[in-house]
Amino acid sequence: MNQKFRFIADLATASPEDILLSNQIKYSLIAKQLDEHYKLRGELSSSWQRFLTKPEFVLIIDENDDHKYKIRSETDRIELVKLNDKEIAENVLILLNLAFREGAKSIMNILKVL
């Protein structure tokens, strides 16, 4: 109860302009933090949407190599698989991209909850 009286007494000693100015400063700080939060959330959401729509793994055909079908990661440019059969290479590519997308979707669902 004493804290309430002290708070009221502090407000009574301050001028109304000071009280209004301090409230405006607090509001502007909160609005700035919210803007930064929504901006970061939008950037995160757009990067995840790119991950979901753009394939992570691509098929490269190299005619000069013994293993002419290669599967490469787009983000780090590492060749994961070298194969001789085109049909097997395409199936592995589809499975890798599906697994990557489902993993990205589950991570995005976890982040939405947070």
C-alpha atoms as a PDB file:
ATOM      1  CA  MET A   1       0.000   0.000   0.000  1.00  0.00           C
ATOM      2  CA  ASN A   2       2.878   2.338   0.768  1.00  0.00           C
ATOM      3  CA  GLN A   3       4.230   1.750  -2.731  1.00  0.00           C
ATOM      4  CA  LYS A   4       0.927   2.887  -4.210  1.00  0.00           C
ATOM      5  CA  PHE A   5       1.001   6.081  -2.156  1.00  0.00           C
ATOM      6  CA  ARG A   6       4.610   6.708  -3.214  1.00  0.00           C
ATOM      7  CA  PHE A   7       3.682   6.167  -6.864  1.00  0.00           C
ATOM      8  CA  ILE A   8       0.766   8.613  -6.613  1.00  0.00           C
ATOM      9  CA  ALA A   9       2.947  11.094  -4.750  1.00  0.00           C
ATOM     10  CA  ASP A  10       5.660  10.849  -7.429  1.00  0.00           C
ATOM     11  CA  LEU A  11       3.076  11.488 -10.130  1.00  0.00           C
ATOM     12  CA  ALA A  12       1.650  14.408  -8.195  1.00  0.00           C
ATOM     13  CA  THR A  13       5.073  16.065  -7.939  1.00  0.00           C
ATOM     14  CA  ALA A  14       5.746  15.620 -11.670  1.00  0.00           C
ATOM     15  CA  SER A  15       4.214  17.997 -14.162  1.00  0.00           C
ATOM     16  CA  PRO A  16       1.511  16.694 -16.523  1.00  0.00           C
ATOM     17  CA  GLU A  17       3.794  17.416 -19.500  1.00  0.00           C
ATOM     18  CA  ASP A  18       6.526  15.191 -18.028  1.00  0.00           C
ATOM     19  CA  ILE A  19       4.065  12.367 -17.426  1.00  0.00           C
ATOM     20  CA  LEU A  20       2.746  12.644 -20.975  1.00  0.00           C
ATOM     21  CA  LEU A  21       6.282  12.777 -22.396  1.00  0.00           C
ATOM     22  CA  SER A  22       7.376   9.682 -20.455  1.00  0.00           C
ATOM     23  CA  ASN A  23       4.282   7.784 -21.648  1.00  0.00           C
ATOM     24  CA  GLN A  24       4.996   8.767 -25.263  1.00  0.00           C
ATOM     25  CA  ILE A  25       8.618   7.630 -24.931  1.00  0.00           C
ATOM     26  CA  LYS A  26       7.507   4.260 -23.504  1.00  0.00           C
ATOM     27  CA  TYR A  27       4.958   3.857 -26.311  1.00  0.00           C
ATOM     28  CA  SER A  28       7.519   4.688 -29.005  1.00  0.00           C
ATOM     29  CA  LEU A  29       9.990   2.137 -27.564  1.00  0.00           C
ATOM     30  CA  ILE A  30       7.299  -0.557 -27.543  1.00  0.00           C
ATOM     31  CA  ALA A  31       6.256   0.307 -31.124  1.00  0.00           C
ATOM     32  CA  LYS A  32       9.895   0.159 -32.287  1.00  0.00           C
ATOM     33  CA  GLN A  33      10.399  -3.263 -30.690  1.00  0.00           C
ATOM     34  CA  LEU A  34       7.191  -4.569 -32.298  1.00  0.00           C
ATOM     35  CA  ASP A  35       8.286  -3.295 -35.715  1.00  0.00           C
ATOM     36  CA  GLU A  36      11.635  -5.067 -35.353  1.00  0.00           C
ATOM     37  CA  HIS A  37       9.891  -8.252 -34.215  1.00  0.00           C
ATOM     38  CA  TYR A  38       7.479  -8.302 -37.168  1.00  0.00           C
ATOM     39  CA  LYS A  39      10.275  -7.452 -39.606  1.00  0.00           C
ATOM     40  CA  LEU A  40      12.426 -10.346 -38.357  1.00  0.00           C
ATOM     41  CA  ARG A  41       9.443 -12.686 -38.361  1.00  0.00           C
ATOM     42  CA  GLY A  42       8.643 -11.698 -41.962  1.00  0.00           C
ATOM     43  CA  GLU A  43      12.246 -12.309 -43.052  1.00  0.00           C
ATOM     44  CA  LEU A  44      12.230 -15.709 -41.368  1.00  0.00           C
ATOM     45  CA  SER A  45       8.912 -16.640 -42.950  1.00  0.00           C
ATOM     46  CA  SER A  46      10.035 -15.588 -46.443  1.00  0.00           C
ATOM     47  CA  SER A  47      13.284 -17.539 -46.177  1.00  0.00           C
ATOM     48  CA  TRP A  48      11.360 -20.661 -45.089  1.00  0.00           C
ATOM     49  CA  GLN A  49       8.916 -20.214 -47.974  1.00  0.00           C
ATOM     50  CA  ARG A  50      11.873 -20.100 -50.379  1.00  0.00           C
ATOM     51  CA  PHE A  51      13.168 -23.330 -48.858  1.00  0.00           C
ATOM     52  CA  LEU A  52       9.792 -24.971 -49.381  1.00  0.00           C
ATOM     53  CA  THR A  53       9.267 -23.878 -52.978  1.00  0.00           C
ATOM     54  CA  LYS A  54      12.805 -24.055 -54.368  1.00  0.00           C
ATOM     55  CA  PRO A  55      14.320 -27.551 -54.519  1.00  0.00           C
ATOM     56  CA  GLU A  56      17.333 -28.016 -52.286  1.00  0.00           C
ATOM     57  CA  PHE A  57      18.870 -30.839 -54.318  1.00  0.00           C
ATOM     58  CA  VAL A  58      19.436 -30.772 -58.080  1.00  0.00           C
ATOM     59  CA  LEU A  59      20.404 -33.387 -60.634  1.00  0.00           C
ATOM     60  CA  ILE A  60      23.528 -32.693 -62.667  1.00  0.00           C
ATOM     61  CA  ILE A  61      24.328 -34.699 -65.791  1.00  0.00           C
ATOM     62  CA  ASP A  62      28.034 -35.042 -66.571  1.00  0.00           C
ATOM     63  CA  GLU A  63      28.688 -36.887 -69.850  1.00  0.00           C
ATOM     64  CA  ASN A  64      32.461 -37.099 -69.292  1.00  0.00           C
ATOM     65  CA  ASP A  65      32.328 -38.998 -65.990  1.00  0.00           C
ATOM     66  CA  ASP A  66      31.775 -42.730 -65.388  1.00  0.00           C
ATOM     67  CA  HIS A  67      28.985 -41.878 -62.937  1.00  0.00           C
ATOM     68  CA  LYS A  68      27.167 -39.433 -65.144  1.00  0.00           C
ATOM     69  CA  TYR A  69      24.267 -38.507 -62.806  1.00  0.00           C
ATOM     70  CA  LYS A  70      25.156 -36.465 -59.742  1.00  0.00           C
ATOM     71  CA  ILE A  71      22.914 -35.066 -57.029  1.00  0.00           C
ATOM     72  CA  ARG A  72      24.139 -31.801 -55.565  1.00  0.00           C
ATOM     73  CA  SER A  73      22.954 -29.641 -52.673  1.00  0.00           C
ATOM     74  CA  GLU A  74      22.082 -26.065 -53.662  1.00  0.00           C
ATOM     75  CA  THR A  75      23.020 -24.290 -50.458  1.00  0.00           C
ATOM     76  CA  ASP A  76      26.484 -25.715 -49.863  1.00  0.00           C
ATOM     77  CA  ARG A  77      27.239 -27.087 -53.382  1.00  0.00           C
ATOM     78  CA  ILE A  78      28.266 -30.535 -52.158  1.00  0.00           C
ATOM     79  CA  GLU A  79      27.808 -33.541 -54.438  1.00  0.00           C
ATOM     80  CA  LEU A  80      25.995 -36.125 -52.363  1.00  0.00           C
ATOM     81  CA  VAL A  81      25.485 -39.001 -54.787  1.00  0.00           C
ATOM     82  CA  LYS A  82      27.022 -40.194 -58.057  1.00  0.00           C
ATOM     83  CA  LEU A  83      24.948 -42.739 -59.991  1.00  0.00           C
ATOM     84  CA  ASN A  84      24.925 -44.479 -63.351  1.00  0.00           C
ATOM     85  CA  ASP A  85      21.166 -44.988 -63.736  1.00  0.00           C
ATOM     86  CA  LYS A  86      18.993 -41.978 -64.592  1.00  0.00           C
ATOM     87  CA  GLU A  87      15.771 -43.420 -63.183  1.00  0.00           C
ATOM     88  CA  ILE A  88      17.359 -44.237 -59.819  1.00  0.00           C
ATOM     89  CA  ALA A  89      18.966 -40.782 -59.717  1.00  0.00           C
ATOM     90  CA  GLU A  90      15.617 -39.055 -60.338  1.00  0.00           C
ATOM     91  CA  ASN A  91      13.892 -41.144 -57.651  1.00  0.00           C
ATOM     92  CA  VAL A  92      16.642 -40.423 -55.119  1.00  0.00           C
ATOM     93  CA  LEU A  93      16.395 -36.726 -56.003  1.00  0.00           C
ATOM     94  CA  ILE A  94      12.637 -36.697 -55.404  1.00  0.00           C
ATOM     95  CA  LEU A  95      13.044 -38.488 -52.068  1.00  0.00           C
ATOM     96  CA  LEU A  96      15.791 -36.128 -50.913  1.00  0.00           C
ATOM     97  CA  ASN A  97      13.749 -33.029 -51.788  1.00  0.00           C
ATOM     98  CA  LEU A  98      10.621 -34.404 -50.099  1.00  0.00           C
ATOM     99  CA  ALA A  99      12.548 -35.261 -46.944  1.00  0.00           C
ATOM    100  CA  PHE A 100      14.121 -31.796 -46.925  1.00  0.00           C
ATOM    101  CA  ARG A 101      10.767 -30.041 -47.368  1.00  0.00           C
ATOM    102  CA  GLU A 102       9.020 -32.082 -44.690  1.00  0.00           C
ATOM    103  CA  GLY A 103      11.844 -31.376 -42.278  1.00  0.00           C
ATOM    104  CA  ALA A 104      11.638 -27.659 -43.076  1.00  0.00           C
ATOM    105  CA  LYS A 105       7.852 -27.715 -42.610  1.00  0.00           C
ATOM    106  CA  SER A 106       8.151 -29.366 -39.205  1.00  0.00           C
ATOM    107  CA  ILE A 107      10.749 -26.801 -38.118  1.00  0.00           C
ATOM    108  CA  MET A 108       8.499 -23.976 -39.314  1.00  0.00           C
ATOM    109  CA  ASN A 109       5.556 -25.427 -37.341  1.00  0.00           C
ATOM    110  CA  ILE A 110       7.720 -25.525 -34.217  1.00  0.00           C
ATOM    111  CA  LEU A 111       8.767 -21.906 -34.750  1.00  0.00           C
ATOM    112  CA  LYS A 112       5.147 -20.792 -35.239  1.00  0.00           C
ATOM    113  CA  VAL A 113       4.278 -22.196 -31.817  1.00  0.00           C
ATOM    114  CA  LEU A 114       7.104 -20.197 -30.226  1.00  0.00           C
END
